[in-house]
Each structure stands twice: as structure tokens, then as C-alpha cells.
Amino acid sequence: MIFPLEQLIGYDENMYEITCAASHRAFQLSMLSDPEVEENEGKVVSLAAQQVFTKEIDFRLEDSSAI
């Protein structure tokens, strides 16, 4: 799987949010040793981005002012 560039180019919402979501998801996938990562030749970031862009996973950012 390659990085989903077409979806990235066409994305018209908050780029910061989707970047954070993909980054956090990539961390989760690498820590969990998800078998899907092996199927993706170890390309964790590409897999995470694909999952976020296709809405395979849901994400939300917490309000940092509450900390």
C-alpha cells in the first residue's frame, strides 16, 4: 500500500487534525504489532493514513485547554 496521496490532496477539512490522528494511529499500530502492518510490508504510516482517510477508524482530538 502506498500513501493515499489522492485522498490527501482532496481533503478539505482540518489538516492538523487528520495529521495528528494518523500519527497517533501509526503509533498504536506499531505498539500493538498489528498483523495488518506485516501485510503492508511494515509501512505503518501509510496504513494509518489509509485507515483515517477511509474512516475505517474514528478519531477525535481532545481539548488541550482542559488539561
N, C-alpha and C. Protein backbone atom coordinates (compact mmCIF):
# COMPACT_ATOMS: atom_id res chain seq x y z
N MET A 1 0.84 -1.17 0.00
CA MET A 1 0.00 0.00 0.00
C MET A 1 0.89 1.24 0.00
N ILE A 2 0.54 2.18 -0.80
CA ILE A 2 1.28 3.45 -0.82
C ILE A 2 0.47 4.50 -0.07
N PHE A 3 1.12 5.59 0.24
CA PHE A 3 0.43 6.66 0.96
C PHE A 3 -0.71 7.20 0.10
N PRO A 4 -1.88 7.42 0.69
CA PRO A 4 -3.06 7.83 -0.08
C PRO A 4 -3.02 9.30 -0.50
N LEU A 5 -2.18 9.61 -1.49
CA LEU A 5 -2.00 11.00 -1.92
C LEU A 5 -3.26 11.63 -2.50
N GLU A 6 -4.03 10.86 -3.25
CA GLU A 6 -5.24 11.41 -3.85
C GLU A 6 -6.21 11.89 -2.76
N GLN A 7 -6.31 11.10 -1.71
CA GLN A 7 -7.21 11.48 -0.62
C GLN A 7 -6.66 12.67 0.15
N LEU A 8 -5.36 12.73 0.30
CA LEU A 8 -4.73 13.84 0.98
C LEU A 8 -4.95 15.15 0.22
N ILE A 9 -4.79 15.11 -1.09
CA ILE A 9 -4.97 16.30 -1.92
C ILE A 9 -6.42 16.77 -1.88
N GLY A 10 -7.35 15.84 -1.89
CA GLY A 10 -8.76 16.19 -1.90
C GLY A 10 -9.35 16.48 -0.54
N TYR A 11 -8.56 16.37 0.50
CA TYR A 11 -9.06 16.58 1.86
C TYR A 11 -9.26 18.07 2.10
N ASP A 12 -10.48 18.47 2.47
CA ASP A 12 -10.75 19.90 2.63
C ASP A 12 -11.15 20.27 4.06
N GLU A 13 -10.80 19.41 5.01
CA GLU A 13 -11.10 19.72 6.41
C GLU A 13 -9.79 20.11 7.11
N ASN A 14 -9.77 20.03 8.42
CA ASN A 14 -8.62 20.46 9.20
C ASN A 14 -7.45 19.50 9.01
N MET A 15 -6.41 19.96 8.33
CA MET A 15 -5.24 19.13 8.03
C MET A 15 -4.47 18.76 9.30
N TYR A 16 -4.44 19.67 10.26
CA TYR A 16 -3.76 19.39 11.53
C TYR A 16 -4.41 18.20 12.23
N GLU A 17 -5.74 18.18 12.27
CA GLU A 17 -6.45 17.09 12.94
C GLU A 17 -6.14 15.74 12.29
N ILE A 18 -6.22 15.69 10.98
CA ILE A 18 -6.01 14.40 10.31
C ILE A 18 -4.56 13.95 10.43
N THR A 19 -3.64 14.89 10.45
CA THR A 19 -2.23 14.55 10.64
C THR A 19 -2.00 13.98 12.03
N CYS A 20 -2.58 14.61 13.03
CA CYS A 20 -2.46 14.10 14.40
C CYS A 20 -3.10 12.73 14.54
N ALA A 21 -4.26 12.56 13.94
CA ALA A 21 -4.95 11.28 14.02
C ALA A 21 -4.13 10.16 13.37
N ALA A 22 -3.57 10.43 12.20
CA ALA A 22 -2.76 9.42 11.51
C ALA A 22 -1.49 9.11 12.30
N SER A 23 -0.90 10.12 12.89
CA SER A 23 0.31 9.93 13.69
C SER A 23 0.04 9.07 14.91
N HIS A 24 -1.05 9.37 15.61
CA HIS A 24 -1.41 8.57 16.79
C HIS A 24 -1.78 7.15 16.39
N ARG A 25 -2.47 7.01 15.29
CA ARG A 25 -2.85 5.66 14.83
C ARG A 25 -1.62 4.85 14.43
N ALA A 26 -0.66 5.49 13.78
CA ALA A 26 0.58 4.80 13.41
C ALA A 26 1.30 4.31 14.66
N PHE A 27 1.33 5.12 15.69
CA PHE A 27 1.94 4.71 16.96
C PHE A 27 1.21 3.50 17.54
N GLN A 28 -0.13 3.55 17.54
CA GLN A 28 -0.91 2.43 18.05
C GLN A 28 -0.61 1.15 17.29
N LEU A 29 -0.60 1.24 15.97
CA LEU A 29 -0.35 0.05 15.14
C LEU A 29 1.03 -0.53 15.41
N SER A 30 2.01 0.32 15.57
CA SER A 30 3.37 -0.19 15.80
C SER A 30 3.51 -0.81 17.18
N MET A 31 2.83 -0.26 18.17
CA MET A 31 2.92 -0.79 19.53
C MET A 31 2.13 -2.09 19.68
N LEU A 32 1.07 -2.24 18.91
CA LEU A 32 0.22 -3.42 19.02
C LEU A 32 0.71 -4.59 18.17
N SER A 33 1.70 -4.34 17.34
CA SER A 33 2.18 -5.37 16.40
C SER A 33 1.01 -5.94 15.61
N ASP A 34 0.20 -5.07 15.08
CA ASP A 34 -0.98 -5.44 14.31
C ASP A 34 -0.57 -6.26 13.09
N PRO A 35 -1.22 -7.40 12.84
CA PRO A 35 -0.87 -8.22 11.67
C PRO A 35 -1.07 -7.49 10.34
N GLU A 36 -1.93 -6.49 10.34
CA GLU A 36 -2.16 -5.73 9.12
C GLU A 36 -0.91 -4.96 8.71
N VAL A 37 -0.05 -4.64 9.70
CA VAL A 37 1.21 -3.95 9.40
C VAL A 37 2.12 -4.86 8.60
N GLU A 38 2.19 -6.13 8.98
CA GLU A 38 3.01 -7.09 8.23
C GLU A 38 2.51 -7.24 6.81
N GLU A 39 1.20 -7.27 6.64
CA GLU A 39 0.61 -7.37 5.31
C GLU A 39 0.94 -6.14 4.47
N ASN A 40 1.23 -5.03 5.14
CA ASN A 40 1.54 -3.77 4.47
C ASN A 40 3.04 -3.52 4.41
N GLU A 41 3.81 -4.59 4.53
CA GLU A 41 5.27 -4.54 4.44
C GLU A 41 5.89 -3.59 5.46
N GLY A 42 5.27 -3.47 6.63
CA GLY A 42 5.81 -2.65 7.70
C GLY A 42 5.59 -1.16 7.53
N LYS A 43 4.82 -0.76 6.56
CA LYS A 43 4.57 0.67 6.30
C LYS A 43 3.44 1.17 7.20
N VAL A 44 3.81 1.48 8.42
CA VAL A 44 2.84 1.83 9.45
C VAL A 44 2.13 3.15 9.15
N VAL A 45 2.87 4.16 8.73
CA VAL A 45 2.27 5.47 8.48
C VAL A 45 1.29 5.42 7.31
N SER A 46 1.65 4.71 6.27
CA SER A 46 0.74 4.58 5.12
C SER A 46 -0.55 3.89 5.52
N LEU A 47 -0.41 2.83 6.30
CA LEU A 47 -1.59 2.09 6.76
C LEU A 47 -2.46 2.97 7.65
N ALA A 48 -1.84 3.68 8.56
CA ALA A 48 -2.60 4.55 9.47
C ALA A 48 -3.32 5.64 8.69
N ALA A 49 -2.64 6.27 7.75
CA ALA A 49 -3.27 7.32 6.94
C ALA A 49 -4.44 6.76 6.15
N GLN A 50 -4.26 5.59 5.58
CA GLN A 50 -5.35 4.96 4.81
C GLN A 50 -6.56 4.71 5.71
N GLN A 51 -6.31 4.22 6.92
CA GLN A 51 -7.42 3.95 7.85
C GLN A 51 -8.14 5.22 8.24
N VAL A 52 -7.41 6.29 8.44
CA VAL A 52 -8.03 7.56 8.83
C VAL A 52 -8.82 8.16 7.68
N PHE A 53 -8.22 8.20 6.49
CA PHE A 53 -8.89 8.82 5.34
C PHE A 53 -10.12 8.04 4.90
N THR A 54 -10.10 6.72 5.00
CA THR A 54 -11.25 5.93 4.58
C THR A 54 -12.29 5.76 5.69
N LYS A 55 -12.00 6.42 6.84
CA LYS A 55 -12.91 6.37 8.00
C LYS A 55 -13.08 4.96 8.54
N GLU A 56 -12.05 4.12 8.32
CA GLU A 56 -12.05 2.78 8.91
C GLU A 56 -11.98 2.89 10.43
N ILE A 57 -11.35 3.95 10.89
CA ILE A 57 -11.31 4.25 12.32
C ILE A 57 -11.87 5.66 12.53
N ASP A 58 -12.45 5.88 13.68
CA ASP A 58 -12.93 7.21 14.04
C ASP A 58 -11.90 7.87 14.92
N PHE A 59 -11.84 9.17 14.89
CA PHE A 59 -10.92 9.89 15.75
C PHE A 59 -11.55 11.18 16.23
N ARG A 60 -11.02 11.66 17.34
CA ARG A 60 -11.41 12.97 17.85
C ARG A 60 -10.22 13.51 18.62
N LEU A 61 -10.04 14.78 18.59
CA LEU A 61 -9.00 15.43 19.37
C LEU A 61 -9.60 16.00 20.63
N GLU A 62 -8.90 15.81 21.73
CA GLU A 62 -9.38 16.35 22.99
C GLU A 62 -8.97 17.80 23.12
N ASP A 63 -9.74 18.55 23.82
CA ASP A 63 -9.45 19.96 24.05
C ASP A 63 -8.26 20.07 25.01
N SER A 64 -7.15 20.62 24.53
CA SER A 64 -5.96 20.71 25.35
C SER A 64 -6.07 21.76 26.44
N SER A 65 -7.04 22.65 26.34
CA SER A 65 -7.20 23.66 27.38
C SER A 65 -7.79 23.07 28.66
N ALA A 66 -8.31 21.87 28.58
CA ALA A 66 -8.89 21.21 29.76
C ALA A 66 -7.81 20.55 30.62
N ILE A 67 -6.59 20.53 30.12
CA ILE A 67 -5.52 19.87 30.87
C ILE A 67 -4.95 20.78 31.91
